[in-house]
Amino acid sequence: MESIRELYRIGHGPSSSHTMGPRYASNTFHALYPDTASFQAKLYGSLAATGKGHLTDTAIRDVFNSLGKPVTILWFPEESLPFHPNALTLIAFDEQEQEIGRETYYSVGGGKVLSESDRDDRKDSIYPQYLTRMDNILRYCSKEGIRLWEFVVKYEGEEILDYMKEIWSVMVEAIHRGLEEEGVLPGGLKLPRKASQYFAQANDMGGVLGTPARALSYALAVSEENASGGKIVTAPTCGSCGVLPGVLLYIKNQYHLSEMKVYRALLTAGLIGNLAKHNGSISGAEVGCQGEIGVACAMASAAVAQLLGGSIHQIEYAAEMGLEHHLGLTCDPMMGLVQIPCIERNALATMRSLDHASFALLSDGRHKVSFDTVTEVMLETGQALPSLYRETSLGGLARFT
C-alpha cells in the first residue's frame, strides 16, 4: 500500500483521472523524448468518452504547446484497453514524421498514472502486506495501544504531519475562494454557483437545520472550485474533493479544535481512502461513483468519528457505513462535466458523513459488515455495472442533456 501522499494530491480540476492524470503522463512522456518534433495522443474508453467535458484534450495540449511541440489528439471512446478504461497512448515523431517512441499510460484514479511497461505499483508500498486490510490494522492498533492516525505516522514518518498541514491549507483556501465566487460554471450546462448563497442562508437560518448546512456550503465551495479548474486536493479524487474539507472545517469551527487535531483526522481519513484504493478502487471509470463519493464519505465519516472521540472500532464502523450506503452509485455525468450530479453529491455526502459518525458513536463499535467486506463488495458491484454507468456519459442522467 502506497503513501497517503499518493492519495492526497494537490492540483487543478476538474478531474483527477481525466485532467491531472493525462497532464502528468504528457509531462512524463515528453521527458523521455525531449527532442521530438511532434506528438500524437490516442485516448481510449472512458478517457475518450468524457474527455472533452473533463478538459482532457486541453490538459494534454497545454503541456506540449507550452514546450513548443504540436500534438494531435485522436478519440476512441468505444475501444477500451484491458488493464483499465482510462487509457492513453502517446507517440513521438521525428522531423520526418517517423515514429521514434510510444508508451501507453493508465489513469487509474486520484491522479495516479501507471505506464504499460510498469503497471505494478506494489514497488511503491511502504506498509507491510499483512497490514493492508482494516481488520488486521485494528488488531495491530489494539495490541500496540495506538490510534489509527498513529499507525499512519509509524509507517509514513513524523514528516507526514507537515504534508497534512500543506494539504489542509490548500483545502481551506479552496473553501474560501469558492464561498467568494459567484456566476455560472464553465461548460455547456450553464450551472450557477450556489456555495456563496447557501453559506449566507445557512448563517441566517441557524439552529438545528442551519448550523450543519454550513458544512454543505463548504463542500459546494470546493466542488465548484474544482469544476472551474481551481486548485484543490484529491480526497480521494477531484470529483469527490469537497466532502472531506467541508465536514472537517465545519467540525473544527463548531468544536473549536486545534489545527493538529485536523491533521490527525486527515491521516485517519487518508488511511481509509488508501485501503479502499488498494483493495477496491477510487476510479469512477472502473467502479462508478461509489468509488469516488462513496470512498470520500467513508473518509469523512471516519474523520468526524475520530474528532468526536470515537474508538478505533467506532471509526471503522463510521467508515464502513460511509461506503456501504453508497454501494451501486453510478457515474453518469451530464455532458461529461464534473457538475451534475457530482457537485450536489459532494454536498449531500458531507451531511451523511455527520450522520454516519453519530450512528457509530451511539454504538460500541460492534457491527456485522466490516469495512474490508464492503470494500470488496464495492469492487465487485462496480465491475458488474454496465460501462454506460461508469463515467462514459452514455447512460443514466447523462442521457438527459
Protein backbone atom coordinates (compact mmCIF):
# COMPACT_ATOMS: atom_id res chain seq x y z
CA MET A 1 0.00 0.00 0.00
CA GLU A 2 1.36 3.37 -1.04
CA SER A 3 1.87 6.51 1.00
CA ILE A 4 -1.20 8.67 1.54
CA ARG A 5 0.76 11.34 -0.30
CA GLU A 6 -0.37 9.46 -3.41
CA LEU A 7 -3.99 9.81 -2.28
CA TYR A 8 -3.90 13.48 -1.31
CA ARG A 9 -2.62 15.20 -4.44
CA ILE A 10 -2.61 18.96 -4.90
CA GLY A 11 -3.62 20.01 -8.38
CA HIS A 12 -6.20 21.69 -10.57
CA GLY A 13 -9.61 20.32 -11.51
CA PRO A 14 -11.92 19.32 -12.89
CA SER A 15 -10.86 15.65 -12.89
CA SER A 16 -8.02 13.73 -11.27
CA SER A 17 -8.26 10.84 -13.72
CA HIS A 18 -9.16 12.82 -16.85
CA THR A 19 -7.18 16.04 -16.30
CA MET A 20 -4.44 15.60 -13.71
CA GLY A 21 -3.50 12.09 -14.90
CA PRO A 22 -3.15 12.91 -18.63
CA ARG A 23 -1.20 16.05 -17.78
CA TYR A 24 1.24 14.02 -15.70
CA ALA A 25 1.52 11.36 -18.42
CA SER A 26 2.24 14.01 -21.06
CA ASN A 27 5.00 15.57 -18.98
CA THR A 28 6.50 12.16 -18.26
CA PHE A 29 6.45 11.11 -21.92
CA HIS A 30 7.97 14.36 -23.13
CA ALA A 31 10.83 13.91 -20.66
CA LEU A 32 11.58 10.58 -22.39
CA TYR A 33 11.67 12.20 -25.84
CA PRO A 34 12.60 15.87 -25.32
CA ASP A 35 13.89 16.42 -28.86
CA THR A 36 10.77 15.11 -30.59
CA ALA A 37 9.31 17.21 -33.41
CA SER A 38 5.64 16.33 -32.80
CA PHE A 39 3.39 14.10 -30.75
CA GLN A 40 0.18 12.17 -31.05
CA ALA A 41 -2.21 11.20 -28.24
CA LYS A 42 -4.73 8.37 -28.59
CA LEU A 43 -7.46 8.38 -25.95
CA TYR A 44 -9.43 5.20 -25.19
CA GLY A 45 -12.56 4.18 -23.30
CA SER A 46 -13.85 6.49 -20.59
CA LEU A 47 -10.94 8.85 -21.11
CA ALA A 48 -12.19 9.44 -24.64
CA ALA A 49 -15.92 9.26 -23.87
CA THR A 50 -15.91 12.11 -21.32
CA GLY A 51 -12.53 13.64 -22.05
CA LYS A 52 -13.82 16.81 -23.69
CA GLY A 53 -16.10 17.60 -20.77
CA HIS A 54 -13.25 16.95 -18.36
CA LEU A 55 -10.80 19.05 -20.43
CA THR A 56 -8.51 16.10 -21.14
CA ASP A 57 -7.53 17.48 -24.54
CA THR A 58 -6.88 20.90 -23.04
CA ALA A 59 -4.59 19.40 -20.39
CA ILE A 60 -2.58 17.47 -22.99
CA ARG A 61 -2.29 20.43 -25.37
CA ASP A 62 -1.26 22.74 -22.53
CA VAL A 63 1.73 20.51 -21.79
CA PHE A 64 3.01 20.03 -25.33
CA ASN A 65 2.15 23.50 -26.63
CA SER A 66 3.90 25.11 -23.69
CA LEU A 67 7.00 23.28 -24.85
CA GLY A 68 6.51 24.43 -28.43
CA LYS A 69 5.53 20.96 -29.66
CA PRO A 70 2.40 20.24 -31.74
CA VAL A 71 0.17 17.36 -30.67
CA THR A 72 -2.63 15.57 -32.49
CA ILE A 73 -5.38 14.03 -30.37
CA LEU A 74 -7.41 11.04 -31.53
CA TRP A 75 -10.52 9.76 -29.74
CA PHE A 76 -11.57 6.10 -29.39
CA PRO A 77 -14.49 6.09 -26.91
CA GLU A 78 -15.77 2.67 -27.97
CA GLU A 79 -12.41 0.95 -27.59
CA SER A 80 -11.20 0.06 -24.10
CA LEU A 81 -7.81 -1.41 -23.27
CA PRO A 82 -7.82 -4.46 -20.96
CA PHE A 83 -5.95 -3.09 -17.94
CA HIS A 84 -8.10 -0.01 -17.20
CA PRO A 85 -10.81 2.00 -19.02
CA ASN A 86 -8.85 5.26 -18.66
CA ALA A 87 -6.05 4.73 -21.17
CA LEU A 88 -4.00 6.93 -23.46
CA THR A 89 -1.17 6.11 -25.84
CA LEU A 90 1.39 8.81 -26.53
CA ILE A 91 3.54 8.63 -29.67
CA ALA A 92 6.63 10.67 -30.55
CA PHE A 93 7.64 11.56 -34.12
CA ASP A 94 10.83 13.00 -35.60
CA GLU A 95 11.01 15.77 -38.22
CA GLN A 96 10.43 13.20 -41.00
CA GLU A 97 7.24 12.14 -39.21
CA GLN A 98 8.72 8.77 -38.39
CA GLU A 99 7.72 7.22 -35.08
CA ILE A 100 10.56 7.17 -32.59
CA GLY A 101 8.75 6.04 -29.46
CA ARG A 102 5.43 5.30 -27.81
CA GLU A 103 4.04 4.48 -24.39
CA THR A 104 0.60 3.63 -23.07
CA TYR A 105 -0.48 5.12 -19.76
CA TYR A 106 -3.42 4.28 -17.50
CA SER A 107 -5.01 6.96 -15.34
CA VAL A 108 -6.25 4.71 -12.55
CA GLY A 109 -7.91 7.32 -10.34
CA GLY A 110 -6.96 10.11 -7.98
CA GLY A 111 -4.34 11.42 -10.41
CA LYS A 112 -2.31 8.21 -10.26
CA VAL A 113 -0.80 7.11 -13.58
CA LEU A 114 0.75 3.75 -14.43
CA SER A 115 2.62 3.06 -17.64
CA GLU A 116 2.17 -0.07 -19.74
CA SER A 117 5.79 -1.00 -19.08
CA ASP A 118 5.43 -0.59 -15.32
CA ARG A 119 1.84 -1.35 -14.32
CA ASP A 120 2.77 -2.94 -10.99
CA ASP A 121 2.70 -0.18 -8.37
CA ARG A 122 3.43 -2.55 -5.46
CA LYS A 123 7.07 -1.47 -5.55
CA ASP A 124 5.94 1.83 -4.04
CA SER A 125 4.44 0.14 -0.97
CA ILE A 126 5.53 1.48 2.40
CA TYR A 127 3.15 -0.62 4.51
CA PRO A 128 3.67 -4.33 5.25
CA GLN A 129 1.44 -6.51 3.09
CA TYR A 130 -0.25 -8.08 6.11
CA LEU A 131 -1.30 -4.58 7.23
CA THR A 132 -3.25 -3.64 4.12
CA ARG A 133 -6.64 -4.74 5.45
CA MET A 134 -8.62 -2.91 8.09
CA ASP A 135 -9.27 -5.97 10.26
CA ASN A 136 -5.54 -6.60 10.60
CA ILE A 137 -4.83 -2.94 11.27
CA LEU A 138 -7.45 -2.82 14.03
CA ARG A 139 -5.89 -5.87 15.69
CA TYR A 140 -2.44 -4.33 15.39
CA CYS A 141 -3.56 -0.99 16.85
CA SER A 142 -5.38 -2.73 19.71
CA LYS A 143 -2.28 -4.75 20.53
CA GLU A 144 0.01 -1.71 20.41
CA GLY A 145 -2.45 0.65 22.12
CA ILE A 146 -2.30 3.20 19.33
CA ARG A 147 -4.83 5.17 17.28
CA LEU A 148 -5.30 4.86 13.52
CA TRP A 149 -3.53 8.16 12.85
CA GLU A 150 -0.58 6.94 14.92
CA PHE A 151 -0.45 3.81 12.77
CA VAL A 152 -0.05 6.03 9.71
CA VAL A 153 2.72 8.07 11.35
CA LYS A 154 4.55 4.88 12.29
CA TYR A 155 4.96 3.92 8.64
CA GLU A 156 4.92 7.34 6.97
CA GLY A 157 7.16 9.13 9.47
CA GLU A 158 6.55 12.28 11.52
CA GLU A 159 7.07 14.42 8.41
CA ILE A 160 3.70 13.27 7.09
CA LEU A 161 2.13 15.73 9.52
CA ASP A 162 3.91 18.56 7.71
CA TYR A 163 2.37 17.35 4.48
CA MET A 164 -1.06 17.29 6.15
CA LYS A 165 -0.50 20.92 7.11
CA GLU A 166 0.03 21.78 3.46
CA ILE A 167 -2.96 19.69 2.40
CA TRP A 168 -5.23 21.38 4.93
CA SER A 169 -4.06 24.82 3.83
CA VAL A 170 -5.00 24.12 0.20
CA MET A 171 -8.37 22.69 1.27
CA VAL A 172 -9.26 25.75 3.34
CA GLU A 173 -8.14 28.14 0.60
CA ALA A 174 -10.41 26.32 -1.85
CA ILE A 175 -13.35 26.72 0.54
CA HIS A 176 -12.73 30.44 0.98
CA ARG A 177 -12.34 31.04 -2.76
CA GLY A 178 -15.46 29.06 -3.50
CA LEU A 179 -17.53 30.98 -0.97
CA GLU A 180 -16.49 34.28 -2.56
CA GLU A 181 -17.06 33.36 -6.20
CA GLU A 182 -20.40 33.73 -7.94
CA GLY A 183 -21.63 33.36 -11.52
CA VAL A 184 -22.00 30.45 -13.94
CA LEU A 185 -19.67 27.46 -14.02
CA PRO A 186 -17.80 26.83 -17.29
CA GLY A 187 -19.19 24.26 -19.70
CA GLY A 188 -22.45 23.84 -21.55
CA LEU A 189 -24.76 23.14 -18.59
CA LYS A 190 -24.95 26.82 -17.55
CA LEU A 191 -24.96 25.73 -13.92
CA PRO A 192 -24.85 28.66 -11.46
CA ARG A 193 -22.56 28.59 -8.43
CA LYS A 194 -24.52 28.10 -5.20
CA ALA A 195 -21.94 27.96 -2.40
CA SER A 196 -21.93 31.68 -1.60
CA GLN A 197 -25.72 31.86 -1.49
CA TYR A 198 -26.10 28.68 0.54
CA PHE A 199 -23.47 29.80 3.07
CA ALA A 200 -25.29 33.10 3.60
CA GLN A 201 -28.62 31.34 4.03
CA ALA A 202 -27.13 28.76 6.41
CA ASN A 203 -25.74 31.53 8.61
CA ASP A 204 -29.07 33.32 8.57
CA MET A 205 -31.04 30.17 9.41
CA GLY A 206 -29.01 29.00 12.40
CA GLY A 207 -30.42 26.33 14.69
CA VAL A 208 -30.78 22.62 14.00
CA LEU A 209 -31.04 22.95 10.22
CA GLY A 210 -28.92 26.00 9.51
CA THR A 211 -25.80 25.18 11.51
CA PRO A 212 -24.87 21.87 9.81
CA ALA A 213 -25.86 23.39 6.46
CA ARG A 214 -22.60 25.33 6.68
CA ALA A 215 -20.77 22.05 6.07
CA LEU A 216 -22.89 21.60 2.96
CA SER A 217 -21.94 25.05 1.70
CA TYR A 218 -18.22 24.38 2.32
CA ALA A 219 -18.43 21.20 0.25
CA LEU A 220 -20.21 23.07 -2.54
CA ALA A 221 -17.49 25.73 -2.49
CA VAL A 222 -14.69 23.22 -3.06
CA SER A 223 -16.62 21.24 -5.67
CA GLU A 224 -17.44 24.39 -7.61
CA GLU A 225 -13.81 25.44 -7.50
CA ASN A 226 -12.88 22.03 -8.88
CA ALA A 227 -15.47 22.32 -11.67
CA SER A 228 -13.89 25.67 -12.58
CA GLY A 229 -10.39 24.20 -12.78
CA GLY A 230 -9.34 25.68 -9.45
CA LYS A 231 -6.64 24.41 -7.12
CA ILE A 232 -7.89 21.59 -4.89
CA VAL A 233 -6.79 18.38 -3.13
CA THR A 234 -7.88 14.97 -4.36
CA ALA A 235 -9.76 13.34 -1.47
CA PRO A 236 -9.70 10.78 -2.92
CA THR A 237 -10.44 12.29 -6.37
CA CYS A 238 -11.17 15.68 -7.89
CA GLY A 239 -14.80 14.76 -8.46
CA SER A 240 -15.24 14.00 -4.74
CA CYS A 241 -12.87 16.63 -3.36
CA GLY A 242 -15.48 18.65 -1.45
CA VAL A 243 -16.69 16.10 1.09
CA LEU A 244 -13.73 15.85 3.46
CA PRO A 245 -12.73 19.54 3.64
CA GLY A 246 -16.39 20.53 4.00
CA VAL A 247 -17.01 18.40 7.05
CA LEU A 248 -13.59 19.00 8.62
CA LEU A 249 -13.88 22.79 8.59
CA TYR A 250 -17.40 22.57 9.98
CA ILE A 251 -16.38 20.30 12.88
CA LYS A 252 -13.23 22.33 13.55
CA ASN A 253 -15.21 25.57 13.83
CA GLN A 254 -18.10 24.01 15.73
CA TYR A 255 -15.88 22.47 18.43
CA HIS A 256 -13.01 24.97 18.30
CA LEU A 257 -10.47 22.26 17.52
CA SER A 258 -6.77 22.79 17.00
CA GLU A 259 -5.06 22.51 13.62
CA MET A 260 -3.17 19.43 14.87
CA LYS A 261 -6.45 17.65 15.56
CA VAL A 262 -7.43 18.24 11.95
CA TYR A 263 -4.07 16.98 10.64
CA ARG A 264 -4.52 13.76 12.61
CA ALA A 265 -8.07 13.38 11.29
CA LEU A 266 -6.68 13.79 7.77
CA LEU A 267 -4.26 10.93 8.45
CA THR A 268 -7.09 8.63 9.52
CA ALA A 269 -9.22 9.66 6.55
CA GLY A 270 -6.24 9.07 4.29
CA LEU A 271 -5.80 5.57 5.68
CA ILE A 272 -9.46 4.80 4.91
CA GLY A 273 -9.07 6.09 1.37
CA ASN A 274 -5.83 4.20 0.92
CA LEU A 275 -7.42 0.91 1.98
CA ALA A 276 -10.32 1.46 -0.41
CA LYS A 277 -7.91 2.29 -3.21
CA HIS A 278 -5.63 -0.67 -2.50
CA ASN A 279 -8.32 -3.31 -2.04
CA GLY A 280 -11.01 -1.79 -4.25
CA SER A 281 -10.90 1.26 -6.50
CA ILE A 282 -11.35 5.03 -6.42
CA SER A 283 -11.85 5.29 -10.18
CA GLY A 284 -15.30 6.27 -11.41
CA ALA A 285 -14.44 4.76 -14.79
CA GLU A 286 -13.74 1.42 -13.11
CA VAL A 287 -16.41 1.13 -10.38
CA GLY A 288 -18.75 4.09 -10.75
CA CYS A 289 -19.25 6.96 -8.33
CA GLN A 290 -19.30 4.64 -5.31
CA GLY A 291 -15.51 4.59 -5.65
CA GLU A 292 -15.36 8.38 -5.54
CA ILE A 293 -18.20 9.85 -3.47
CA GLY A 294 -18.63 6.60 -1.53
CA VAL A 295 -14.97 6.49 -0.52
CA ALA A 296 -14.93 10.24 0.19
CA CYS A 297 -17.92 9.81 2.51
CA ALA A 298 -16.19 6.90 4.26
CA MET A 299 -13.09 9.05 4.76
CA ALA A 300 -15.10 11.97 6.12
CA SER A 301 -17.23 9.75 8.38
CA ALA A 302 -14.10 8.26 9.93
CA ALA A 303 -12.53 11.69 10.41
CA VAL A 304 -15.59 13.04 12.22
CA ALA A 305 -15.84 9.97 14.44
CA GLN A 306 -12.22 10.44 15.48
CA LEU A 307 -12.59 14.17 16.12
CA LEU A 308 -15.60 13.48 18.36
CA GLY A 309 -13.71 10.96 20.49
CA GLY A 310 -14.61 7.69 18.82
CA SER A 311 -12.65 4.49 19.40
CA ILE A 312 -10.81 2.84 16.53
CA HIS A 313 -13.73 0.42 16.19
CA GLN A 314 -16.31 3.21 16.08
CA ILE A 315 -14.17 4.99 13.48
CA GLU A 316 -14.09 1.84 11.35
CA TYR A 317 -17.87 1.49 11.72
CA ALA A 318 -18.43 5.07 10.55
CA ALA A 319 -16.19 4.49 7.53
CA GLU A 320 -17.96 1.24 6.70
CA MET A 321 -21.34 2.97 6.67
CA GLY A 322 -19.99 5.78 4.52
CA LEU A 323 -19.11 3.28 1.80
CA GLU A 324 -21.90 0.74 2.34
CA HIS A 325 -24.69 3.25 1.81
CA HIS A 326 -23.22 4.42 -1.49
CA LEU A 327 -22.90 0.92 -2.97
CA GLY A 328 -24.05 0.80 -6.58
CA LEU A 329 -23.82 4.56 -7.11
CA THR A 330 -23.36 5.17 -10.83
CA CYS A 331 -21.07 7.66 -12.53
CA ASP A 332 -23.22 9.37 -15.18
CA PRO A 333 -22.06 12.99 -15.54
CA MET A 334 -24.12 15.19 -17.82
CA MET A 335 -22.11 16.30 -20.86
CA GLY A 336 -19.07 14.66 -19.29
CA LEU A 337 -18.77 17.55 -16.83
CA VAL A 338 -18.00 17.19 -13.12
CA GLN A 339 -21.10 19.21 -12.27
CA ILE A 340 -24.36 17.22 -12.43
CA PRO A 341 -24.78 15.09 -10.36
CA CYS A 342 -21.27 15.44 -8.90
CA ILE A 343 -21.45 18.77 -7.06
CA GLU A 344 -24.68 18.01 -5.19
CA ARG A 345 -23.36 14.54 -4.32
CA ASN A 346 -20.38 16.16 -2.59
CA ALA A 347 -22.65 18.37 -0.51
CA LEU A 348 -25.04 15.60 0.49
CA ALA A 349 -22.27 13.10 1.24
CA THR A 350 -20.85 15.69 3.61
CA MET A 351 -24.13 15.76 5.52
CA ARG A 352 -24.36 11.95 5.50
CA SER A 353 -20.88 11.67 6.98
CA LEU A 354 -22.13 13.54 10.06
CA ASP A 355 -24.97 11.03 10.38
CA HIS A 356 -22.64 8.05 9.99
CA ALA A 357 -20.33 9.35 12.70
CA SER A 358 -23.28 9.97 15.03
CA PHE A 359 -24.65 6.47 14.42
CA ALA A 360 -21.26 4.87 15.07
CA LEU A 361 -20.67 6.89 18.24
CA LEU A 362 -24.01 5.79 19.66
CA SER A 363 -22.81 2.20 19.36
CA ASP A 364 -19.89 0.37 20.94
CA GLY A 365 -18.35 -0.14 17.50
CA ARG A 366 -19.52 -3.72 17.03
CA HIS A 367 -21.38 -4.45 13.80
CA LYS A 368 -21.92 -7.21 11.23
CA VAL A 369 -20.39 -5.89 7.97
CA SER A 370 -16.71 -4.96 8.13
CA PHE A 371 -15.03 -2.20 6.13
CA ASP A 372 -12.95 -4.86 4.37
CA THR A 373 -16.10 -6.69 3.29
CA VAL A 374 -17.86 -3.61 1.96
CA THR A 375 -14.71 -2.62 0.05
CA GLU A 376 -14.69 -5.99 -1.68
CA VAL A 377 -18.40 -5.67 -2.46
CA MET A 378 -17.84 -2.18 -3.85
CA LEU A 379 -15.26 -3.53 -6.28
CA GLU A 380 -17.48 -6.45 -7.27
CA THR A 381 -20.51 -4.20 -7.71
CA GLY A 382 -18.59 -1.64 -9.73
CA GLN A 383 -17.19 -4.19 -12.13
CA ALA A 384 -20.71 -5.59 -12.62
CA LEU A 385 -22.09 -2.20 -13.63
CA PRO A 386 -22.55 -1.79 -17.39
CA SER A 387 -19.97 0.54 -18.89
CA LEU A 388 -22.62 3.19 -19.64
CA TYR A 389 -22.81 3.79 -15.87
CA ARG A 390 -19.05 4.08 -15.39
CA GLU A 391 -18.04 7.59 -16.48
CA THR A 392 -18.84 7.24 -20.14
CA SER A 393 -21.83 9.64 -20.12
CA LEU A 394 -23.80 7.12 -22.16
CA GLY A 395 -26.49 6.25 -19.62
CA GLY A 396 -28.37 7.42 -16.57
CA LEU A 397 -28.65 11.15 -16.04
CA ALA A 398 -26.16 11.79 -18.82
CA ARG A 399 -28.84 10.94 -21.40
CA PHE A 400 -30.95 13.93 -20.35
CA THR A 401 -28.85 16.83 -21.61
